[in-house]
Amino acid sequence: MINFMKLTATHRERFVKKVHHHQGHAVGFQIDRIRLPDGKLANREFLTHPGAVGALAFAGPDKIVLVKQYRHPVRQFTLEIPAGKLGKGENPLACIKRELSEETGYKAGRIRKLLYFWPTGAFSDEVIHLYIADRLTLAEAHPDDDEFLEVVTVSPKQMDRMIRSGKIHDSKTLIAYSLWKSNLAR
């Protein structure tokens, strides 16, 4: 059995200095010089990100709200839970309320935190906060100027079929739905 505390203490990398940083509109790219546990120096390259939120939203007991949009990095349309990037200093709960309204037009009567996770901790510092949103009331969507979204509602059975058939690949969507389905979020 691995002693995690011993491993943590003896295998820790130490920050030496920031070598390079470029900040884009949505993400940054950083190179840090670090000292390895054996004393050697190395570089770590990673994306910086302000964090994000997502919500598995229910417009009714059998109506899960998804958004369909084109994602340039993967060159295809995706089906995802409503989500978005945190603004500088923005509270994740305030952000998910804003994003749900902007992307879908829905306001939630109840929002519960599921968890937060690092989608790609090996090369990004991004953290995604996941929620369950229900008791929705519909107003009007008002997506960002560069967002072209289609709101889609599906039943849990349809969601199961779409996941099994490979129509849903988005990690935050798969994680939120899996937690809900396993009764960890009900």
Protein backbone atom coordinates (compact mmCIF):
# COMPACT_ATOMS: atom_id res chain seq x y z
CA MET A 1 0.00 0.00 0.00
CA ILE A 2 1.30 3.47 -0.90
CA ASN A 3 1.77 5.92 1.96
CA PHE A 4 0.32 9.03 0.33
CA MET A 5 1.70 11.41 2.97
CA LYS A 6 5.25 10.11 2.49
CA LEU A 7 4.86 10.24 -1.30
CA THR A 8 3.56 13.81 -1.08
CA ALA A 9 6.43 14.99 1.09
CA THR A 10 9.21 13.28 -0.85
CA HIS A 11 7.97 13.89 -4.41
CA ARG A 12 6.93 17.53 -4.27
CA GLU A 13 8.16 19.88 -6.99
CA ARG A 14 9.19 23.37 -5.89
CA PHE A 15 8.44 26.55 -7.85
CA VAL A 16 11.60 28.51 -8.73
CA LYS A 17 10.38 31.24 -11.10
CA LYS A 18 7.96 32.10 -13.87
CA VAL A 19 9.83 31.86 -17.18
CA HIS A 20 7.12 32.96 -19.62
CA HIS A 21 3.47 33.94 -19.62
CA HIS A 22 1.14 34.86 -22.46
CA GLN A 23 -2.45 35.81 -21.70
CA GLY A 24 -5.13 35.37 -24.34
CA HIS A 25 -8.80 36.36 -24.03
CA ALA A 26 -9.94 33.03 -22.53
CA VAL A 27 -6.78 31.20 -21.47
CA GLY A 28 -3.13 31.86 -20.82
CA PHE A 29 0.02 29.89 -21.43
CA GLN A 30 2.68 29.75 -18.74
CA ILE A 31 6.11 28.17 -18.34
CA ASP A 32 7.42 27.77 -14.79
CA ARG A 33 10.91 26.74 -13.77
CA ILE A 34 10.68 24.15 -10.98
CA ARG A 35 13.06 22.12 -8.86
CA LEU A 36 12.44 18.38 -8.96
CA PRO A 37 12.60 16.22 -5.81
CA ASP A 38 16.11 15.07 -6.85
CA GLY A 39 17.32 18.69 -7.02
CA LYS A 40 17.42 19.03 -10.83
CA LEU A 41 15.73 21.93 -12.60
CA ALA A 42 12.93 21.46 -15.16
CA ASN A 43 10.21 23.46 -16.89
CA ARG A 44 6.47 22.93 -16.57
CA GLU A 45 4.27 24.25 -19.39
CA PHE A 46 0.56 24.70 -18.72
CA LEU A 47 -2.58 26.60 -19.59
CA THR A 48 -3.93 29.10 -17.11
CA HIS A 49 -7.69 29.52 -16.82
CA PRO A 50 -9.92 31.55 -14.48
CA GLY A 51 -12.17 28.56 -13.78
CA ALA A 52 -15.63 27.60 -14.96
CA VAL A 53 -19.03 26.40 -13.81
CA GLY A 54 -21.64 24.01 -15.17
CA ALA A 55 -25.08 22.84 -14.09
CA LEU A 56 -27.11 19.76 -14.76
CA ALA A 57 -30.39 21.66 -15.06
CA PHE A 58 -33.86 20.15 -14.86
CA ALA A 59 -36.83 21.93 -16.48
CA GLY A 60 -38.98 19.11 -15.02
CA PRO A 61 -38.43 15.65 -13.56
CA ASP A 62 -37.71 14.17 -17.01
CA LYS A 63 -36.40 17.27 -18.83
CA ILE A 64 -32.65 17.83 -18.72
CA VAL A 65 -31.57 21.11 -20.32
CA LEU A 66 -28.56 20.93 -22.66
CA VAL A 67 -27.00 23.37 -25.07
CA LYS A 68 -25.82 22.49 -28.55
CA GLN A 69 -22.98 24.56 -29.94
CA TYR A 70 -20.06 24.34 -32.30
CA ARG A 71 -16.69 23.91 -30.56
CA HIS A 72 -13.83 24.98 -32.79
CA PRO A 73 -11.00 23.04 -31.03
CA VAL A 74 -12.77 19.69 -31.67
CA ARG A 75 -14.31 20.85 -34.98
CA GLN A 76 -17.82 19.64 -34.20
CA PHE A 77 -21.09 20.39 -32.49
CA THR A 78 -21.33 19.34 -28.87
CA LEU A 79 -24.18 18.70 -26.45
CA GLU A 80 -23.30 20.05 -23.02
CA ILE A 81 -24.80 21.17 -19.77
CA PRO A 82 -25.13 24.97 -19.52
CA ALA A 83 -21.74 26.28 -18.46
CA GLY A 84 -19.35 29.16 -18.64
CA LYS A 85 -16.16 30.83 -17.58
CA LEU A 86 -15.78 32.64 -14.27
CA GLY A 87 -15.22 36.35 -14.43
CA LYS A 88 -12.29 37.81 -12.50
CA GLY A 89 -13.12 37.42 -8.79
CA GLU A 90 -16.60 36.08 -9.58
CA ASN A 91 -18.26 33.71 -7.13
CA PRO A 92 -19.00 30.31 -8.77
CA LEU A 93 -22.64 30.30 -7.57
CA ALA A 94 -23.25 33.78 -9.01
CA CYS A 95 -21.56 32.65 -12.22
CA ILE A 96 -23.77 29.58 -12.72
CA LYS A 97 -26.90 31.67 -12.15
CA ARG A 98 -25.68 34.13 -14.78
CA GLU A 99 -24.61 31.45 -17.27
CA LEU A 100 -27.84 29.46 -16.93
CA SER A 101 -29.85 32.59 -17.66
CA GLU A 102 -27.60 33.77 -20.51
CA GLU A 103 -27.37 30.44 -22.32
CA THR A 104 -30.84 28.97 -21.75
CA GLY A 105 -33.14 31.72 -20.47
CA TYR A 106 -33.88 29.65 -17.35
CA LYS A 107 -33.65 30.84 -13.75
CA ALA A 108 -33.27 28.18 -11.08
CA GLY A 109 -35.43 28.08 -7.96
CA ARG A 110 -32.83 25.80 -6.38
CA ILE A 111 -29.13 25.25 -7.07
CA ARG A 112 -27.03 22.68 -5.21
CA LYS A 113 -23.25 22.28 -5.42
CA LEU A 114 -22.05 18.86 -6.58
CA LEU A 115 -18.26 19.20 -6.55
CA TYR A 116 -15.35 20.83 -8.29
CA PHE A 117 -12.74 19.07 -10.40
CA TRP A 118 -9.66 19.67 -12.55
CA PRO A 119 -10.51 18.53 -16.09
CA THR A 120 -6.86 18.28 -17.19
CA GLY A 121 -4.60 18.77 -14.16
CA ALA A 122 -1.53 17.59 -16.08
CA PHE A 123 -1.45 20.70 -18.28
CA SER A 124 -4.01 23.22 -17.01
CA ASP A 125 -4.93 24.89 -13.72
CA GLU A 126 -8.62 25.10 -14.72
CA VAL A 127 -11.16 24.21 -12.03
CA ILE A 128 -14.79 23.45 -12.94
CA HIS A 129 -17.52 23.81 -10.29
CA LEU A 130 -20.56 21.60 -10.96
CA TYR A 131 -24.11 22.15 -9.74
CA ILE A 132 -27.60 20.68 -9.96
CA ALA A 133 -30.23 23.28 -10.87
CA ASP A 134 -33.96 22.66 -10.73
CA ARG A 135 -37.32 24.37 -10.18
CA LEU A 136 -36.57 26.30 -13.35
CA THR A 137 -38.67 29.14 -14.70
CA LEU A 138 -38.24 30.29 -18.28
CA ALA A 139 -37.47 33.88 -19.23
CA GLU A 140 -35.38 34.81 -22.27
CA ALA A 141 -31.89 33.62 -23.22
CA HIS A 142 -29.27 36.26 -23.93
CA PRO A 143 -26.04 34.51 -24.97
CA ASP A 144 -22.75 36.34 -25.45
CA ASP A 145 -22.24 37.98 -28.86
CA ASP A 146 -19.92 35.17 -29.99
CA GLU A 147 -22.16 32.30 -28.76
CA PHE A 148 -24.60 30.61 -31.10
CA LEU A 149 -26.50 28.08 -29.02
CA GLU A 150 -29.49 25.84 -29.39
CA VAL A 151 -31.27 24.81 -26.18
CA VAL A 152 -32.25 21.13 -26.17
CA THR A 153 -34.21 19.21 -23.55
CA VAL A 154 -33.87 15.46 -23.18
CA SER A 155 -35.15 12.81 -20.80
CA PRO A 156 -32.74 10.79 -18.65
CA LYS A 157 -33.42 7.78 -20.95
CA GLN A 158 -32.50 9.85 -24.00
CA MET A 159 -29.40 11.10 -22.19
CA ASP A 160 -28.36 7.51 -21.43
CA ARG A 161 -28.76 6.57 -25.10
CA MET A 162 -26.82 9.64 -26.29
CA ILE A 163 -23.94 8.85 -23.92
CA ARG A 164 -23.84 5.16 -24.94
CA SER A 165 -24.00 6.00 -28.64
CA GLY A 166 -21.17 8.55 -28.40
CA LYS A 167 -23.23 11.70 -28.98
CA ILE A 168 -22.02 13.26 -25.71
CA HIS A 169 -18.28 13.53 -25.03
CA ASP A 170 -18.07 16.62 -22.83
CA SER A 171 -16.41 15.76 -19.49
CA LYS A 172 -18.35 18.17 -17.26
CA THR A 173 -21.62 16.89 -18.72
CA LEU A 174 -20.64 13.24 -18.25
CA ILE A 175 -19.45 13.85 -14.67
CA ALA A 176 -22.51 15.84 -13.57
CA TYR A 177 -24.92 13.36 -15.12
CA SER A 178 -23.08 10.34 -13.70
CA LEU A 179 -23.16 11.82 -10.20
CA TRP A 180 -26.86 12.58 -10.50
CA LYS A 181 -27.63 9.14 -11.92
CA SER A 182 -25.71 7.38 -9.13
CA ASN A 183 -27.93 9.19 -6.61
CA LEU A 184 -25.00 11.13 -5.18
CA ALA A 185 -26.67 14.40 -6.18
CA ARG A 186 -30.35 13.76 -5.49
